[in-house]
Each structure stands twice: as C-alpha cells, then as structure tokens.
Amino acid sequence: MYTPLDKSSYLKGLLILARKSKCLVDGEKSIIRDVAKRFSFSNDFYEESIKNLLDNKYILDNPIKFSTKNIAIDFLSEGLKLGFSDNVLDDAEINWLKLICFE
C-alpha cells in the first residue's frame, strides 16, 4: 500500500532521475505522466513539473526513501525503464539509482 508520502516521493524520484540526463525525451515524459495519473496527481501539477523540470532548482537530488522495501523495488524497476527510455542509462542515472538501493 502506497502512502501519500510514498506516492509523492515516487513521482519526485522519477522527475529527479529524468533530469539526470540533462534532457527530457518523450518516453520519460510518458512514464512520468502514467505514474502521476496512477497516483491521482492533478494534470496541471505534473504537466507544470515536466515543463519546468530541467530548470527547477527546488527539486533537490537527495535520495528518495520509501516506507517499504517493496515500494523501493517497484520504484527501481520503473526507474530503470525511465532511464532506458532514451536508449542510454548513463552513469549519473545509475549512481543515483544505487543510492535508493542503500537507503
């Protein structure tokens, strides 16, 4: 069961990960939108987040923590899909995902 904080952290984590490659491709946007819809975030909120992601200084790159190991595993799986959506999983993405594994 995802808590409201888990849902927020999950979406934030995907946004941070997408920003790691310093460009946002359609596949990443699609995954972020799907998760935001699944967790019932407002359309305006996630579209604005996507639009301003690369310039948003208020989304810090701190590792994300989840309430259960299973949610962290779900996040890592979806994070890998997001990372590979531009056909390249670069070092910045890998290193950030590793931080989630050890939290």
C-alpha atoms as a PDB file:
ATOM      1  CA  MET A   1       0.000   0.000   0.000  1.00  0.00           C
ATOM      2  CA  TYR A   2       1.466   3.314  -1.067  1.00  0.00           C
ATOM      3  CA  THR A   3       1.152   6.117   1.455  1.00  0.00           C
ATOM      4  CA  PRO A   4       0.614   9.684   0.185  1.00  0.00           C
ATOM      5  CA  LEU A   5       4.276  10.363   1.030  1.00  0.00           C
ATOM      6  CA  ASP A   6       5.381   7.294  -0.952  1.00  0.00           C
ATOM      7  CA  LYS A   7       3.397   8.486  -3.969  1.00  0.00           C
ATOM      8  CA  SER A   8       4.910  11.941  -3.748  1.00  0.00           C
ATOM      9  CA  SER A   9       8.426  10.561  -3.289  1.00  0.00           C
ATOM     10  CA  TYR A  10       7.960   8.115  -6.172  1.00  0.00           C
ATOM     11  CA  LEU A  11       6.955  10.855  -8.604  1.00  0.00           C
ATOM     12  CA  LYS A  12       9.679  13.174  -7.325  1.00  0.00           C
ATOM     13  CA  GLY A  13      12.231  10.390  -7.734  1.00  0.00           C
ATOM     14  CA  LEU A  14      11.246   9.837 -11.349  1.00  0.00           C
ATOM     15  CA  LEU A  15      11.499  13.568 -12.018  1.00  0.00           C
ATOM     16  CA  ILE A  16      14.973  13.673 -10.462  1.00  0.00           C
ATOM     17  CA  LEU A  17      16.060  10.651 -12.477  1.00  0.00           C
ATOM     18  CA  ALA A  18      14.716  12.100 -15.732  1.00  0.00           C
ATOM     19  CA  ARG A  19      16.657  15.295 -15.094  1.00  0.00           C
ATOM     20  CA  LYS A  20      19.938  13.407 -14.629  1.00  0.00           C
ATOM     21  CA  SER A  21      20.442  13.024 -18.386  1.00  0.00           C
ATOM     22  CA  LYS A  22      20.006  16.804 -18.814  1.00  0.00           C
ATOM     23  CA  CYS A  23      17.342  16.359 -21.492  1.00  0.00           C
ATOM     24  CA  LEU A  24      13.791  15.086 -21.324  1.00  0.00           C
ATOM     25  CA  VAL A  25      12.635  12.685 -24.047  1.00  0.00           C
ATOM     26  CA  ASP A  26       9.075  11.678 -24.879  1.00  0.00           C
ATOM     27  CA  GLY A  27       9.485   8.216 -23.322  1.00  0.00           C
ATOM     28  CA  GLU A  28      10.456   9.759 -19.985  1.00  0.00           C
ATOM     29  CA  LYS A  29       7.543  12.180 -20.126  1.00  0.00           C
ATOM     30  CA  SER A  30       5.173   9.314 -20.867  1.00  0.00           C
ATOM     31  CA  ILE A  31       6.368   7.273 -17.881  1.00  0.00           C
ATOM     32  CA  ILE A  32       6.126  10.292 -15.578  1.00  0.00           C
ATOM     33  CA  ARG A  33       2.600  11.056 -16.812  1.00  0.00           C
ATOM     34  CA  ASP A  34       1.495   7.446 -16.358  1.00  0.00           C
ATOM     35  CA  VAL A  35       2.762   7.356 -12.772  1.00  0.00           C
ATOM     36  CA  ALA A  36       1.263  10.763 -11.957  1.00  0.00           C
ATOM     37  CA  LYS A  37      -2.126   9.633 -13.292  1.00  0.00           C
ATOM     38  CA  ARG A  38      -1.897   6.295 -11.458  1.00  0.00           C
ATOM     39  CA  PHE A  39      -1.267   8.169  -8.193  1.00  0.00           C
ATOM     40  CA  SER A  40      -4.045  10.705  -8.920  1.00  0.00           C
ATOM     41  CA  PHE A  41      -1.877  13.830  -9.169  1.00  0.00           C
ATOM     42  CA  SER A  42      -3.585  16.700 -10.934  1.00  0.00           C
ATOM     43  CA  ASN A  43      -2.907  17.102 -14.628  1.00  0.00           C
ATOM     44  CA  ASP A  44      -1.849  20.737 -14.142  1.00  0.00           C
ATOM     45  CA  PHE A  45       0.632  19.784 -11.425  1.00  0.00           C
ATOM     46  CA  TYR A  46       2.514  17.106 -13.330  1.00  0.00           C
ATOM     47  CA  GLU A  47       2.437  18.931 -16.665  1.00  0.00           C
ATOM     48  CA  GLU A  48       3.938  22.008 -14.993  1.00  0.00           C
ATOM     49  CA  SER A  49       6.511  19.804 -13.256  1.00  0.00           C
ATOM     50  CA  ILE A  50       7.528  18.240 -16.574  1.00  0.00           C
ATOM     51  CA  LYS A  51       7.599  21.582 -18.365  1.00  0.00           C
ATOM     52  CA  ASN A  52       9.940  23.204 -15.828  1.00  0.00           C
ATOM     53  CA  LEU A  53      11.903  20.137 -14.777  1.00  0.00           C
ATOM     54  CA  LEU A  54      15.282  20.975 -16.263  1.00  0.00           C
ATOM     55  CA  ASP A  55      15.304  24.468 -14.725  1.00  0.00           C
ATOM     56  CA  ASN A  56      13.612  23.696 -11.395  1.00  0.00           C
ATOM     57  CA  LYS A  57      16.144  24.396  -8.634  1.00  0.00           C
ATOM     58  CA  TYR A  58      13.671  23.376  -5.930  1.00  0.00           C
ATOM     59  CA  ILE A  59      13.685  19.669  -6.759  1.00  0.00           C
ATOM     60  CA  LEU A  60      16.752  18.511  -4.858  1.00  0.00           C
ATOM     61  CA  ASP A  61      18.669  15.395  -5.902  1.00  0.00           C
ATOM     62  CA  ASN A  62      18.578  13.805  -2.452  1.00  0.00           C
ATOM     63  CA  PRO A  63      17.982  10.043  -2.399  1.00  0.00           C
ATOM     64  CA  ILE A  64      14.364   9.038  -2.019  1.00  0.00           C
ATOM     65  CA  LYS A  65      13.185   6.904   0.908  1.00  0.00           C
ATOM     66  CA  PHE A  66      10.101   4.697   0.849  1.00  0.00           C
ATOM     67  CA  SER A  67       8.046   3.159   3.633  1.00  0.00           C
ATOM     68  CA  THR A  68       8.648  -0.425   2.453  1.00  0.00           C
ATOM     69  CA  LYS A  69      11.277  -2.380   0.565  1.00  0.00           C
ATOM     70  CA  ASN A  70       8.653  -3.494  -1.977  1.00  0.00           C
ATOM     71  CA  ILE A  71       7.863   0.090  -2.938  1.00  0.00           C
ATOM     72  CA  ALA A  72      11.581   0.793  -3.343  1.00  0.00           C
ATOM     73  CA  ILE A  73      11.856  -2.257  -5.621  1.00  0.00           C
ATOM     74  CA  ASP A  74       8.860  -1.062  -7.674  1.00  0.00           C
ATOM     75  CA  PHE A  75      10.495   2.346  -7.965  1.00  0.00           C
ATOM     76  CA  LEU A  76      13.831   0.905  -9.052  1.00  0.00           C
ATOM     77  CA  SER A  77      12.135  -1.186 -11.720  1.00  0.00           C
ATOM     78  CA  GLU A  78      10.219   1.793 -13.084  1.00  0.00           C
ATOM     79  CA  GLY A  79      13.298   3.991 -12.711  1.00  0.00           C
ATOM     80  CA  LEU A  80      15.300   1.622 -14.889  1.00  0.00           C
ATOM     81  CA  LYS A  81      12.572   1.753 -17.546  1.00  0.00           C
ATOM     82  CA  LEU A  82      12.654   5.531 -17.403  1.00  0.00           C
ATOM     83  CA  GLY A  83      16.448   5.571 -17.570  1.00  0.00           C
ATOM     84  CA  PHE A  84      16.474   3.302 -20.625  1.00  0.00           C
ATOM     85  CA  SER A  85      13.655   5.184 -22.380  1.00  0.00           C
ATOM     86  CA  ASP A  86      16.258   7.262 -24.244  1.00  0.00           C
ATOM     87  CA  ASN A  87      18.233   4.062 -25.018  1.00  0.00           C
ATOM     88  CA  VAL A  88      21.086   5.086 -22.701  1.00  0.00           C
ATOM     89  CA  LEU A  89      21.405   4.558 -18.962  1.00  0.00           C
ATOM     90  CA  ASP A  90      24.208   6.951 -18.113  1.00  0.00           C
ATOM     91  CA  ASP A  91      26.448   7.000 -15.039  1.00  0.00           C
ATOM     92  CA  ALA A  92      24.546   9.810 -13.324  1.00  0.00           C
ATOM     93  CA  GLU A  93      21.304   7.814 -13.559  1.00  0.00           C
ATOM     94  CA  ILE A  94      22.933   4.572 -12.398  1.00  0.00           C
ATOM     95  CA  ASN A  95      24.681   6.229  -9.464  1.00  0.00           C
ATOM     96  CA  TRP A  96      21.507   7.955  -8.308  1.00  0.00           C
ATOM     97  CA  LEU A  97      19.510   4.716  -8.514  1.00  0.00           C
ATOM     98  CA  LYS A  98      22.184   2.978  -6.453  1.00  0.00           C
ATOM     99  CA  LEU A  99      21.535   5.477  -3.661  1.00  0.00           C
ATOM    100  CA  ILE A 100      17.929   4.260  -3.494  1.00  0.00           C
ATOM    101  CA  CYS A 101      19.147   0.672  -3.066  1.00  0.00           C
ATOM    102  CA  PHE A 102      21.101   1.539   0.043  1.00  0.00           C
ATOM    103  CA  GLU A 103      18.508   3.751   1.781  1.00  0.00           C
END
